[in-house]
Amino acid sequence: MTIAGLYNYWIVILLMMTGFYVVIASGNLVKKIIGLNLFQASVFILYISLGKIADGHAPILQAGISNYSNPLPHVLILTAIVVGVATTSLGLALVVRIREAYDTVEEDEIHDQDESM
């Protein structure tokens, strides 16, 4: 298999590093949540890629088919998507409360206000 044939893994690496960079480099809390979602999406793509095999079929017994794909990673990702939506909504709700309390969503300004109190 060539390097170009593994394009889905290159997409995973690109999304993962982009999400990681956004979380580390940005001081805006909403941007940090978006970065975490990018990182999370890269993990989803990785698990789904691992669950698919070449010439694999759905795990339904049929005559003449002996090569099946594993459905477990896909089921786990469905659960992870639900958990991801819940944690994202909780994070955004916390950002709204922080904005009400500090009148900003920039991490540096929040630290400055805490130190001045």
PDB file of N, CA and C in Angstrom:
ATOM      1  N   MET A   1       0.844  -1.171   0.000  1.00  0.00           N
ATOM      2  CA  MET A   1       0.000   0.000   0.000  1.00  0.00           C
ATOM      3  C   MET A   1       0.899   1.247   0.000  1.00  0.00           C
ATOM      4  N   THR A   2       0.579   2.202  -0.833  1.00  0.00           N
ATOM      5  CA  THR A   2       1.395   3.409  -0.944  1.00  0.00           C
ATOM      6  C   THR A   2       0.963   4.445   0.079  1.00  0.00           C
ATOM      7  N   ILE A   3       1.773   5.470   0.197  1.00  0.00           N
ATOM      8  CA  ILE A   3       1.453   6.555   1.141  1.00  0.00           C
ATOM      9  C   ILE A   3       0.185   7.279   0.707  1.00  0.00           C
ATOM     10  N   ALA A   4       0.013   7.441  -0.610  1.00  0.00           N
ATOM     11  CA  ALA A   4      -1.199   8.111  -1.104  1.00  0.00           C
ATOM     12  C   ALA A   4      -2.440   7.275  -0.829  1.00  0.00           C
ATOM     13  N   GLY A   5      -2.284   5.962  -0.727  1.00  0.00           N
ATOM     14  CA  GLY A   5      -3.418   5.084  -0.444  1.00  0.00           C
ATOM     15  C   GLY A   5      -3.904   5.179   0.985  1.00  0.00           C
ATOM     16  N   LEU A   6      -3.125   5.802   1.838  1.00  0.00           N
ATOM     17  CA  LEU A   6      -3.495   5.940   3.248  1.00  0.00           C
ATOM     18  C   LEU A   6      -3.979   7.363   3.544  1.00  0.00           C
ATOM     19  N   TYR A   7      -4.718   7.938   2.595  1.00  0.00           N
ATOM     20  CA  TYR A   7      -5.139   9.331   2.724  1.00  0.00           C
ATOM     21  C   TYR A   7      -6.000   9.576   3.950  1.00  0.00           C
ATOM     22  N   ASN A   8      -6.796   8.598   4.365  1.00  0.00           N
ATOM     23  CA  ASN A   8      -7.646   8.818   5.540  1.00  0.00           C
ATOM     24  C   ASN A   8      -6.810   9.009   6.799  1.00  0.00           C
ATOM     25  N   TYR A   9      -5.661   8.348   6.889  1.00  0.00           N
ATOM     26  CA  TYR A   9      -4.800   8.538   8.054  1.00  0.00           C
ATOM     27  C   TYR A   9      -4.111   9.902   8.009  1.00  0.00           C
ATOM     28  N   TRP A  10      -3.816  10.395   6.813  1.00  0.00           N
ATOM     29  CA  TRP A  10      -3.259  11.741   6.685  1.00  0.00           C
ATOM     30  C   TRP A  10      -4.293  12.779   7.113  1.00  0.00           C
ATOM     31  N   ILE A  11      -5.549  12.534   6.789  1.00  0.00           N
ATOM     32  CA  ILE A  11      -6.617  13.441   7.221  1.00  0.00           C
ATOM     33  C   ILE A  11      -6.736  13.418   8.741  1.00  0.00           C
ATOM     34  N   VAL A  12      -6.619  12.238   9.326  1.00  0.00           N
ATOM     35  CA  VAL A  12      -6.675  12.113  10.789  1.00  0.00           C
ATOM     36  C   VAL A  12      -5.549  12.924  11.426  1.00  0.00           C
ATOM     37  N   ILE A  13      -4.336  12.775  10.905  1.00  0.00           N
ATOM     38  CA  ILE A  13      -3.188  13.500  11.465  1.00  0.00           C
ATOM     39  C   ILE A  13      -3.376  15.008  11.308  1.00  0.00           C
ATOM     40  N   LEU A  14      -3.838  15.436  10.132  1.00  0.00           N
ATOM     41  CA  LEU A  14      -4.052  16.863   9.890  1.00  0.00           C
ATOM     42  C   LEU A  14      -5.105  17.445  10.840  1.00  0.00           C
ATOM     43  N   LEU A  15      -6.237  16.760  10.975  1.00  0.00           N
ATOM     44  CA  LEU A  15      -7.282  17.241  11.884  1.00  0.00           C
ATOM     45  C   LEU A  15      -6.818  17.233  13.335  1.00  0.00           C
ATOM     46  N   MET A  16      -6.094  16.187  13.718  1.00  0.00           N
ATOM     47  CA  MET A  16      -5.642  16.070  15.097  1.00  0.00           C
ATOM     48  C   MET A  16      -4.663  17.187  15.447  1.00  0.00           C
ATOM     49  N   MET A  17      -3.711  17.430  14.573  1.00  0.00           N
ATOM     50  CA  MET A  17      -2.726  18.477  14.855  1.00  0.00           C
ATOM     51  C   MET A  17      -3.343  19.867  14.774  1.00  0.00           C
ATOM     52  N   THR A  18      -4.301  20.060  13.873  1.00  0.00           N
ATOM     53  CA  THR A  18      -4.992  21.351  13.797  1.00  0.00           C
ATOM     54  C   THR A  18      -5.791  21.610  15.072  1.00  0.00           C
ATOM     55  N   GLY A  19      -6.537  20.622  15.519  1.00  0.00           N
ATOM     56  CA  GLY A  19      -7.305  20.765  16.762  1.00  0.00           C
ATOM     57  C   GLY A  19      -6.408  21.000  17.959  1.00  0.00           C
ATOM     58  N   PHE A  20      -5.295  20.274  18.019  1.00  0.00           N
ATOM     59  CA  PHE A  20      -4.353  20.440  19.124  1.00  0.00           C
ATOM     60  C   PHE A  20      -3.744  21.840  19.115  1.00  0.00           C
ATOM     61  N   TYR A  21      -3.390  22.319  17.929  1.00  0.00           N
ATOM     62  CA  TYR A  21      -2.819  23.662  17.810  1.00  0.00           C
ATOM     63  C   TYR A  21      -3.824  24.731  18.251  1.00  0.00           C
ATOM     64  N   VAL A  22      -5.072  24.585  17.844  1.00  0.00           N
ATOM     65  CA  VAL A  22      -6.094  25.573  18.215  1.00  0.00           C
ATOM     66  C   VAL A  22      -6.281  25.606  19.729  1.00  0.00           C
ATOM     67  N   VAL A  23      -6.277  24.444  20.367  1.00  0.00           N
ATOM     68  CA  VAL A  23      -6.442  24.395  21.824  1.00  0.00           C
ATOM     69  C   VAL A  23      -5.256  25.051  22.527  1.00  0.00           C
ATOM     70  N   ILE A  24      -4.047  24.791  22.050  1.00  0.00           N
ATOM     71  CA  ILE A  24      -2.849  25.315  22.701  1.00  0.00           C
ATOM     72  C   ILE A  24      -2.649  26.809  22.404  1.00  0.00           C
ATOM     73  N   ALA A  25      -2.848  27.227  21.159  1.00  0.00           N
ATOM     74  CA  ALA A  25      -2.480  28.578  20.733  1.00  0.00           C
ATOM     75  C   ALA A  25      -3.547  29.628  21.032  1.00  0.00           C
ATOM     76  N   SER A  26      -4.782  29.239  21.123  1.00  0.00           N
ATOM     77  CA  SER A  26      -5.851  30.219  21.259  1.00  0.00           C
ATOM     78  C   SER A  26      -6.167  30.491  22.719  1.00  0.00           C
ATOM     79  N   GLY A  27      -6.462  31.752  23.015  1.00  0.00           N
ATOM     80  CA  GLY A  27      -6.877  32.119  24.359  1.00  0.00           C
ATOM     81  C   GLY A  27      -8.382  32.262  24.481  1.00  0.00           C
ATOM     82  N   ASN A  28      -9.078  32.210  23.355  1.00  0.00           N
ATOM     83  CA  ASN A  28     -10.529  32.338  23.334  1.00  0.00           C
ATOM     84  C   ASN A  28     -11.142  30.988  23.709  1.00  0.00           C
ATOM     85  N   LEU A  29     -12.046  30.989  24.682  1.00  0.00           N
ATOM     86  CA  LEU A  29     -12.615  29.733  25.178  1.00  0.00           C
ATOM     87  C   LEU A  29     -13.479  29.030  24.132  1.00  0.00           C
ATOM     88  N   VAL A  30     -14.187  29.788  23.293  1.00  0.00           N
ATOM     89  CA  VAL A  30     -15.011  29.168  22.251  1.00  0.00           C
ATOM     90  C   VAL A  30     -14.115  28.493  21.216  1.00  0.00           C
ATOM     91  N   LYS A  31     -13.001  29.143  20.868  1.00  0.00           N
ATOM     92  CA  LYS A  31     -12.061  28.535  19.922  1.00  0.00           C
ATOM     93  C   LYS A  31     -11.441  27.270  20.490  1.00  0.00           C
ATOM     94  N   LYS A  32     -11.214  27.246  21.797  1.00  0.00           N
ATOM     95  CA  LYS A  32     -10.686  26.036  22.428  1.00  0.00           C
ATOM     96  C   LYS A  32     -11.687  24.877  22.309  1.00  0.00           C
ATOM     97  N   ILE A  33     -12.954  25.168  22.474  1.00  0.00           N
ATOM     98  CA  ILE A  33     -13.976  24.124  22.331  1.00  0.00           C
ATOM     99  C   ILE A  33     -14.030  23.629  20.888  1.00  0.00           C
ATOM    100  N   ILE A  34     -13.912  24.539  19.930  1.00  0.00           N
ATOM    101  CA  ILE A  34     -13.884  24.136  18.525  1.00  0.00           C
ATOM    102  C   ILE A  34     -12.664  23.272  18.255  1.00  0.00           C
ATOM    103  N   GLY A  35     -11.507  23.630  18.816  1.00  0.00           N
ATOM    104  CA  GLY A  35     -10.303  22.824  18.662  1.00  0.00           C
ATOM    105  C   GLY A  35     -10.469  21.426  19.242  1.00  0.00           C
ATOM    106  N   LEU A  36     -11.113  21.334  20.395  1.00  0.00           N
ATOM    107  CA  LEU A  36     -11.378  20.014  20.985  1.00  0.00           C
ATOM    108  C   LEU A  36     -12.309  19.189  20.099  1.00  0.00           C
ATOM    109  N   ASN A  37     -13.276  19.844  19.466  1.00  0.00           N
ATOM    110  CA  ASN A  37     -14.178  19.127  18.556  1.00  0.00           C
ATOM    111  C   ASN A  37     -13.443  18.638  17.312  1.00  0.00           C
ATOM    112  N   LEU A  38     -12.507  19.428  16.800  1.00  0.00           N
ATOM    113  CA  LEU A  38     -11.686  18.963  15.671  1.00  0.00           C
ATOM    114  C   LEU A  38     -10.860  17.741  16.068  1.00  0.00           C
ATOM    115  N   PHE A  39     -10.254  17.817  17.229  1.00  0.00           N
ATOM    116  CA  PHE A  39      -9.466  16.686  17.729  1.00  0.00           C
ATOM    117  C   PHE A  39     -10.346  15.449  17.884  1.00  0.00           C
ATOM    118  N   GLN A  40     -11.531  15.651  18.415  1.00  0.00           N
ATOM    119  CA  GLN A  40     -12.471  14.554  18.611  1.00  0.00           C
ATOM    120  C   GLN A  40     -12.898  13.947  17.273  1.00  0.00           C
ATOM    121  N   ALA A  41     -13.143  14.785  16.273  1.00  0.00           N
ATOM    122  CA  ALA A  41     -13.530  14.289  14.953  1.00  0.00           C
ATOM    123  C   ALA A  41     -12.414  13.458  14.333  1.00  0.00           C
ATOM    124  N   SER A  42     -11.171  13.846  14.587  1.00  0.00           N
ATOM    125  CA  SER A  42     -10.062  13.047  14.045  1.00  0.00           C
ATOM    126  C   SER A  42     -10.020  11.660  14.678  1.00  0.00           C
ATOM    127  N   VAL A  43     -10.321  11.577  15.949  1.00  0.00           N
ATOM    128  CA  VAL A  43     -10.362  10.261  16.608  1.00  0.00           C
ATOM    129  C   VAL A  43     -11.513   9.423  16.049  1.00  0.00           C
ATOM    130  N   PHE A  44     -12.653  10.053  15.783  1.00  0.00           N
ATOM    131  CA  PHE A  44     -13.776   9.333  15.182  1.00  0.00           C
ATOM    132  C   PHE A  44     -13.381   8.749  13.832  1.00  0.00           C
ATOM    133  N   ILE A  45     -12.749   9.556  12.996  1.00  0.00           N
ATOM    134  CA  ILE A  45     -12.338   9.092  11.669  1.00  0.00           C
ATOM    135  C   ILE A  45     -11.328   7.955  11.794  1.00  0.00           C
ATOM    136  N   LEU A  46     -10.412   8.051  12.761  1.00  0.00           N
ATOM    137  CA  LEU A  46      -9.427   6.997  12.960  1.00  0.00           C
ATOM    138  C   LEU A  46     -10.093   5.671  13.311  1.00  0.00           C
ATOM    139  N   TYR A  47     -11.010   5.694  14.259  1.00  0.00           N
ATOM    140  CA  TYR A  47     -11.676   4.454  14.662  1.00  0.00           C
ATOM    141  C   TYR A  47     -12.524   3.864  13.532  1.00  0.00           C
ATOM    142  N   ILE A  48     -13.209   4.718  12.784  1.00  0.00           N
ATOM    143  CA  ILE A  48     -14.012   4.219  11.678  1.00  0.00           C
ATOM    144  C   ILE A  48     -13.114   3.629  10.597  1.00  0.00           C
ATOM    145  N   SER A  49     -11.959   4.249  10.352  1.00  0.00           N
ATOM    146  CA  SER A  49     -11.008   3.724   9.365  1.00  0.00           C
ATOM    147  C   SER A  49     -10.471   2.363   9.783  1.00  0.00           C
ATOM    148  N   LEU A  50     -10.237   2.200  11.070  1.00  0.00           N
ATOM    149  CA  LEU A  50      -9.734   0.911  11.543  1.00  0.00           C
ATOM    150  C   LEU A  50     -10.780  -0.194  11.441  1.00  0.00           C
ATOM    151  N   GLY A  51     -12.052   0.176  11.496  1.00  0.00           N
ATOM    152  CA  GLY A  51     -13.114  -0.820  11.457  1.00  0.00           C
ATOM    153  C   GLY A  51     -13.436  -1.324  10.064  1.00  0.00           C
ATOM    154  N   LYS A  52     -12.984  -0.639   9.033  1.00  0.00           N
ATOM    155  CA  LYS A  52     -13.287  -1.034   7.651  1.00  0.00           C
ATOM    156  C   LYS A  52     -12.107  -1.788   7.058  1.00  0.00           C
ATOM    157  N   ILE A  53     -12.394  -2.911   6.438  1.00  0.00           N
ATOM    158  CA  ILE A  53     -11.346  -3.671   5.763  1.00  0.00           C
ATOM    159  C   ILE A  53     -11.644  -3.707   4.269  1.00  0.00           C
ATOM    160  N   ALA A  54     -10.612  -3.928   3.486  1.00  0.00           N
ATOM    161  CA  ALA A  54     -10.769  -3.952   2.025  1.00  0.00           C
ATOM    162  C   ALA A  54     -11.678  -5.112   1.622  1.00  0.00           C
ATOM    163  N   ASP A  55     -12.618  -4.849   0.764  1.00  0.00           N
ATOM    164  CA  ASP A  55     -13.586  -5.836   0.264  1.00  0.00           C
ATOM    165  C   ASP A  55     -14.419  -6.455   1.378  1.00  0.00           C
ATOM    166  N   GLY A  56     -14.572  -5.744   2.479  1.00  0.00           N
ATOM    167  CA  GLY A  56     -15.387  -6.249   3.575  1.00  0.00           C
ATOM    168  C   GLY A  56     -16.854  -5.920   3.347  1.00  0.00           C
ATOM    169  N   HIS A  57     -17.702  -6.781   3.827  1.00  0.00           N
ATOM    170  CA  HIS A  57     -19.143  -6.608   3.680  1.00  0.00           C
ATOM    171  C   HIS A  57     -19.772  -6.451   5.052  1.00  0.00           C
ATOM    172  N   ALA A  58     -21.024  -6.033   5.061  1.00  0.00           N
ATOM    173  CA  ALA A  58     -21.764  -5.939   6.319  1.00  0.00           C
ATOM    174  C   ALA A  58     -21.849  -7.330   6.947  1.00  0.00           C
ATOM    175  N   PRO A  59     -21.796  -7.411   8.274  1.00  0.00           N
ATOM    176  CA  PRO A  59     -21.788  -8.715   8.932  1.00  0.00           C
ATOM    177  C   PRO A  59     -23.158  -9.398   8.920  1.00  0.00           C
ATOM    178  N   ILE A  60     -23.624  -9.691   7.720  1.00  0.00           N
ATOM    179  CA  ILE A  60     -24.875 -10.408   7.531  1.00  0.00           C
ATOM    180  C   ILE A  60     -24.525 -11.681   6.773  1.00  0.00           C
ATOM    181  N   LEU A  61     -24.901 -12.807   7.332  1.00  0.00           N
ATOM    182  CA  LEU A  61     -24.537 -14.084   6.710  1.00  0.00           C
ATOM    183  C   LEU A  61     -25.242 -14.253   5.372  1.00  0.00           C
ATOM    184  N   GLN A  62     -24.432 -14.407   4.329  1.00  0.00           N
ATOM    185  CA  GLN A  62     -24.940 -14.647   2.984  1.00  0.00           C
ATOM    186  C   GLN A  62     -24.042 -15.676   2.319  1.00  0.00           C
ATOM    187  N   ALA A  63     -24.601 -16.359   1.364  1.00  0.00           N
ATOM    188  CA  ALA A  63     -23.822 -17.374   0.649  1.00  0.00           C
ATOM    189  C   ALA A  63     -22.738 -16.701  -0.184  1.00  0.00           C
ATOM    190  N   GLY A  64     -21.526 -17.236  -0.129  1.00  0.00           N
ATOM    191  CA  GLY A  64     -20.423 -16.743  -0.944  1.00  0.00           C
ATOM    192  C   GLY A  64     -19.653 -15.578  -0.349  1.00  0.00           C
ATOM    193  N   ILE A  65     -20.056 -15.063   0.795  1.00  0.00           N
ATOM    194  CA  ILE A  65     -19.344 -13.951   1.420  1.00  0.00           C
ATOM    195  C   ILE A  65     -18.673 -14.463   2.689  1.00  0.00           C
ATOM    196  N   SER A  66     -17.362 -14.253   2.749  1.00  0.00           N
ATOM    197  CA  SER A  66     -16.623 -14.713   3.924  1.00  0.00           C
ATOM    198  C   SER A  66     -15.787 -13.600   4.549  1.00  0.00           C
ATOM    199  N   ASN A  67     -15.774 -12.420   3.950  1.00  0.00           N
ATOM    200  CA  ASN A  67     -14.956 -11.319   4.440  1.00  0.00           C
ATOM    201  C   ASN A  67     -15.882 -10.220   4.978  1.00  0.00           C
ATOM    202  N   TYR A  68     -15.898 -10.059   6.306  1.00  0.00           N
ATOM    203  CA  TYR A  68     -16.812  -9.127   6.944  1.00  0.00           C
ATOM    204  C   TYR A  68     -16.056  -7.992   7.627  1.00  0.00           C
ATOM    205  N   SER A  69     -16.653  -6.809   7.629  1.00  0.00           N
ATOM    206  CA  SER A  69     -16.117  -5.676   8.383  1.00  0.00           C
ATOM    207  C   SER A  69     -16.636  -5.744   9.813  1.00  0.00           C
ATOM    208  N   ASN A  70     -15.842  -5.257  10.737  1.00  0.00           N
ATOM    209  CA  ASN A  70     -16.228  -5.259  12.139  1.00  0.00           C
ATOM    210  C   ASN A  70     -17.135  -4.056  12.425  1.00  0.00           C
ATOM    211  N   PRO A  71     -18.363  -4.269  12.899  1.00  0.00           N
ATOM    212  CA  PRO A  71     -19.267  -3.143  13.163  1.00  0.00           C
ATOM    213  C   PRO A  71     -19.041  -2.474  14.523  1.00  0.00           C
ATOM    214  N   LEU A  72     -18.249  -3.072  15.397  1.00  0.00           N
ATOM    215  CA  LEU A  72     -18.081  -2.540  16.745  1.00  0.00           C
ATOM    216  C   LEU A  72     -17.511  -1.117  16.776  1.00  0.00           C
ATOM    217  N   PRO A  73     -16.468  -0.783  15.996  1.00  0.00           N
ATOM    218  CA  PRO A  73     -15.989   0.607  16.035  1.00  0.00           C
ATOM    219  C   PRO A  73     -17.057   1.620  15.631  1.00  0.00           C
ATOM    220  N   HIS A  74     -17.913   1.266  14.691  1.00  0.00           N
ATOM    221  CA  HIS A  74     -18.956   2.190  14.253  1.00  0.00           C
ATOM    222  C   HIS A  74     -19.978   2.422  15.368  1.00  0.00           C
ATOM    223  N   VAL A  75     -20.305   1.381  16.092  1.00  0.00           N
ATOM    224  CA  VAL A  75     -21.250   1.500  17.199  1.00  0.00           C
ATOM    225  C   VAL A  75     -20.641   2.339  18.326  1.00  0.00           C
ATOM    226  N   LEU A  76     -19.369   2.123  18.606  1.00  0.00           N
ATOM    227  CA  LEU A  76     -18.705   2.906  19.647  1.00  0.00           C
ATOM    228  C   LEU A  76     -18.638   4.380  19.270  1.00  0.00           C
ATOM    229  N   ILE A  77     -18.449   4.670  17.998  1.00  0.00           N
ATOM    230  CA  ILE A  77     -18.380   6.061  17.552  1.00  0.00           C
ATOM    231  C   ILE A  77     -19.744   6.732  17.670  1.00  0.00           C
ATOM    232  N   LEU A  78     -20.819   6.005  17.418  1.00  0.00           N
ATOM    233  CA  LEU A  78     -22.145   6.587  17.610  1.00  0.00           C
ATOM    234  C   LEU A  78     -22.339   7.037  19.053  1.00  0.00           C
ATOM    235  N   THR A  79     -21.897   6.213  19.990  1.00  0.00           N
ATOM    236  CA  THR A  79     -21.979   6.580  21.401  1.00  0.00           C
ATOM    237  C   THR A  79     -21.074   7.771  21.694  1.00  0.00           C
ATOM    238  N   ALA A  80     -19.876   7.784  21.122  1.00  0.00           N
ATOM    239  CA  ALA A  80     -18.934   8.878  21.346  1.00  0.00           C
ATOM    240  C   ALA A  80     -19.452  10.198  20.777  1.00  0.00           C
ATOM    241  N   ILE A  81     -20.177  10.141  19.677  1.00  0.00           N
ATOM    242  CA  ILE A  81     -20.762  11.354  19.104  1.00  0.00           C
ATOM    243  C   ILE A  81     -21.783  11.958  20.059  1.00  0.00           C
ATOM    244  N   VAL A  82     -22.612  11.123  20.653  1.00  0.00           N
ATOM    245  CA  VAL A  82     -23.609  11.606  21.616  1.00  0.00           C
ATOM    246  C   VAL A  82     -22.921  12.230  22.824  1.00  0.00           C
ATOM    247  N   VAL A  83     -21.888  11.573  23.330  1.00  0.00           N
ATOM    248  CA  VAL A  83     -21.146  12.117  24.470  1.00  0.00           C
ATOM    249  C   VAL A  83     -20.460  13.420  24.069  1.00  0.00           C
ATOM    250  N   GLY A  84     -19.920  13.482  22.851  1.00  0.00           N
ATOM    251  CA  GLY A  84     -19.263  14.696  22.375  1.00  0.00           C
ATOM    252  C   GLY A  84     -20.208  15.870  22.267  1.00  0.00           C
ATOM    253  N   VAL A  85     -21.415  15.632  21.788  1.00  0.00           N
ATOM    254  CA  VAL A  85     -22.403  16.708  21.701  1.00  0.00           C
ATOM    255  C   VAL A  85     -22.771  17.197  23.104  1.00  0.00           C
ATOM    256  N   ALA A  86     -22.915  16.276  24.035  1.00  0.00           N
ATOM    257  CA  ALA A  86     -23.259  16.662  25.410  1.00  0.00           C
ATOM    258  C   ALA A  86     -22.141  17.472  26.058  1.00  0.00           C
ATOM    259  N   THR A  87     -20.893  17.047  25.888  1.00  0.00           N
ATOM    260  CA  THR A  87     -19.788  17.790  26.496  1.00  0.00           C
ATOM    261  C   THR A  87     -19.577  19.143  25.818  1.00  0.00           C
ATOM    262  N   THR A  88     -19.810  19.210  24.513  1.00  0.00           N
ATOM    263  CA  THR A  88     -19.703  20.493  23.818  1.00  0.00           C
ATOM    264  C   THR A  88     -20.768  21.468  24.312  1.00  0.00           C
ATOM    265  N   SER A  89     -21.984  20.987  24.476  1.00  0.00           N
ATOM    266  CA  SER A  89     -23.052  21.870  24.964  1.00  0.00           C
ATOM    267  C   SER A  89     -22.777  22.306  26.397  1.00  0.00           C
ATOM    268  N   LEU A  90     -22.239  21.429  27.224  1.00  0.00           N
ATOM    269  CA  LEU A  90     -21.870  21.808  28.591  1.00  0.00           C
ATOM    270  C   LEU A  90     -20.755  22.848  28.568  1.00  0.00           C
ATOM    271  N   GLY A  91     -19.752  22.642  27.727  1.00  0.00           N
ATOM    272  CA  GLY A  91     -18.657  23.604  27.625  1.00  0.00           C
ATOM    273  C   GLY A  91     -19.139  24.963  27.167  1.00  0.00           C
ATOM    274  N   LEU A  92     -20.025  24.994  26.177  1.00  0.00           N
ATOM    275  CA  LEU A  92     -20.557  26.271  25.705  1.00  0.00           C
ATOM    276  C   LEU A  92     -21.421  26.947  26.765  1.00  0.00           C
ATOM    277  N   ALA A  93     -22.166  26.155  27.539  1.00  0.00           N
ATOM    278  CA  ALA A  93     -22.950  26.726  28.635  1.00  0.00           C
ATOM    279  C   ALA A  93     -22.032  27.340  29.692  1.00  0.00           C
ATOM    280  N   LEU A  94     -20.910  26.684  29.968  1.00  0.00           N
ATOM    281  CA  LEU A  94     -19.945  27.246  30.913  1.00  0.00           C
ATOM    282  C   LEU A  94     -19.317  28.525  30.371  1.00  0.00           C
ATOM    283  N   VAL A  95     -19.056  28.571  29.079  1.00  0.00           N
ATOM    284  CA  VAL A  95     -18.510  29.786  28.467  1.00  0.00           C
ATOM    285  C   VAL A  95     -19.503  30.938  28.594  1.00  0.00           C
ATOM    286  N   VAL A  96     -20.787  30.659  28.424  1.00  0.00           N
ATOM    287  CA  VAL A  96     -21.809  31.700  28.579  1.00  0.00           C
ATOM    288  C   VAL A  96     -21.797  32.231  30.012  1.00  0.00           C
ATOM    289  N   ARG A  97     -21.699  31.337  30.982  1.00  0.00           N
ATOM    290  CA  ARG A  97     -21.673  31.778  32.391  1.00  0.00           C
ATOM    291  C   ARG A  97     -20.398  32.562  32.693  1.00  0.00           C
ATOM    292  N   ILE A  98     -19.269  32.132  32.137  1.00  0.00           N
ATOM    293  CA  ILE A  98     -18.013  32.863  32.326  1.00  0.00           C
ATOM    294  C   ILE A  98     -18.122  34.250  31.704  1.00  0.00           C
ATOM    295  N   ARG A  99     -18.744  34.335  30.552  1.00  0.00           N
ATOM    296  CA  ARG A  99     -18.927  35.634  29.867  1.00  0.00           C
ATOM    297  C   ARG A  99     -19.794  36.560  30.713  1.00  0.00           C
ATOM    298  N   GLU A 100     -20.817  35.999  31.344  1.00  0.00           N
ATOM    299  CA  GLU A 100     -21.662  36.823  32.206  1.00  0.00           C
ATOM    300  C   GLU A 100     -20.897  37.312  33.439  1.00  0.00           C
ATOM    301  N   ALA A 101     -20.044  36.459  33.986  1.00  0.00           N
ATOM    302  CA  ALA A 101     -19.327  36.814  35.210  1.00  0.00           C
ATOM    303  C   ALA A 101     -18.149  37.742  34.955  1.00  0.00           C
ATOM    304  N   TYR A 102     -17.399  37.521  33.873  1.00  0.00           N
ATOM    305  CA  TYR A 102     -16.172  38.281  33.621  1.00  0.00           C
ATOM    306  C   TYR A 102     -16.282  39.263  32.459  1.00  0.00           C
ATOM    307  N   ASP A 103     -17.358  39.223  31.711  1.00  0.00           N
ATOM    308  CA  ASP A 103     -17.577  40.079  30.549  1.00  0.00           C
ATOM    309  C   ASP A 103     -16.528  39.862  29.452  1.00  0.00           C
ATOM    310  N   THR A 104     -15.956  38.667  29.393  1.00  0.00           N
ATOM    311  CA  THR A 104     -14.997  38.306  28.356  1.00  0.00           C
ATOM    312  C   THR A 104     -14.902  36.784  28.265  1.00  0.00           C
ATOM    313  N   VAL A 105     -14.411  36.297  27.132  1.00  0.00           N
ATOM    314  CA  VAL A 105     -14.155  34.860  26.978  1.00  0.00           C
ATOM    315  C   VAL A 105     -12.689  34.612  26.670  1.00  0.00           C
ATOM    316  N   GLU A 106     -11.852  35.651  26.827  1.00  0.00           N
ATOM    317  CA  GLU A 106     -10.418  35.515  26.611  1.00  0.00           C
ATOM    318  C   GLU A 106      -9.758  35.051  27.910  1.00  0.00           C
ATOM    319  N   GLU A 107      -8.974  34.005  27.819  1.00  0.00           N
ATOM    320  CA  GLU A 107      -8.377  33.385  28.992  1.00  0.00           C
ATOM    321  C   GLU A 107      -7.450  34.341  29.751  1.00  0.00           C
ATOM    322  N   ASP A 108      -6.650  35.110  29.044  1.00  0.00           N
ATOM    323  CA  ASP A 108      -5.716  36.037  29.697  1.00  0.00           C
ATOM    324  C   ASP A 108      -6.451  37.118  30.486  1.00  0.00           C
ATOM    325  N   GLU A 109      -7.516  37.643  29.914  1.00  0.00           N
ATOM    326  CA  GLU A 109      -8.278  38.681  30.601  1.00  0.00           C
ATOM    327  C   GLU A 109      -8.973  38.135  31.847  1.00  0.00           C
ATOM    328  N   ILE A 110      -9.414  36.898  31.791  1.00  0.00           N
ATOM    329  CA  ILE A 110     -10.040  36.265  32.957  1.00  0.00           C
ATOM    330  C   ILE A 110      -9.007  36.099  34.068  1.00  0.00           C
ATOM    331  N   HIS A 111      -7.793  35.646  33.726  1.00  0.00           N
ATOM    332  CA  HIS A 111      -6.732  35.502  34.733  1.00  0.00           C
ATOM    333  C   HIS A 111      -6.353  36.853  35.331  1.00  0.00           C
ATOM    334  N   ASP A 112      -6.284  37.882  34.495  1.00  0.00           N
ATOM    335  CA  ASP A 112      -5.965  39.219  34.994  1.00  0.00           C
ATOM    336  C   ASP A 112      -7.016  39.725  35.978  1.00  0.00           C
ATOM    337  N   GLN A 113      -8.276  39.487  35.666  1.00  0.00           N
ATOM    338  CA  GLN A 113      -9.342  39.912  36.581  1.00  0.00           C
ATOM    339  C   GLN A 113      -9.306  39.147  37.884  1.00  0.00           C
ATOM    340  N   ASP A 114      -8.963  37.858  37.837  1.00  0.00           N
ATOM    341  CA  ASP A 114      -8.866  37.067  39.062  1.00  0.00           C
ATOM    342  C   ASP A 114      -7.704  37.536  39.939  1.00  0.00           C
ATOM    343  N   GLU A 115      -6.588  37.889  39.310  1.00  0.00           N
ATOM    344  CA  GLU A 115      -5.425  38.319  40.087  1.00  0.00           C
ATOM    345  C   GLU A 115      -5.633  39.684  40.720  1.00  0.00           C
ATOM    346  N   SER A 116      -6.439  40.536  40.081  1.00  0.00           N
ATOM    347  CA  SER A 116      -6.664  41.877  40.611  1.00  0.00           C
ATOM    348  C   SER A 116      -7.675  41.884  41.767  1.00  0.00           C
ATOM    349  N   MET A 117      -8.404  40.811  41.967  1.00  0.00           N
ATOM    350  CA  MET A 117      -9.399  40.757  43.045  1.00  0.00           C
ATOM    351  C   MET A 117      -8.776  40.404  44.359  1.00  0.00           C
TER     352      MET A 117
END
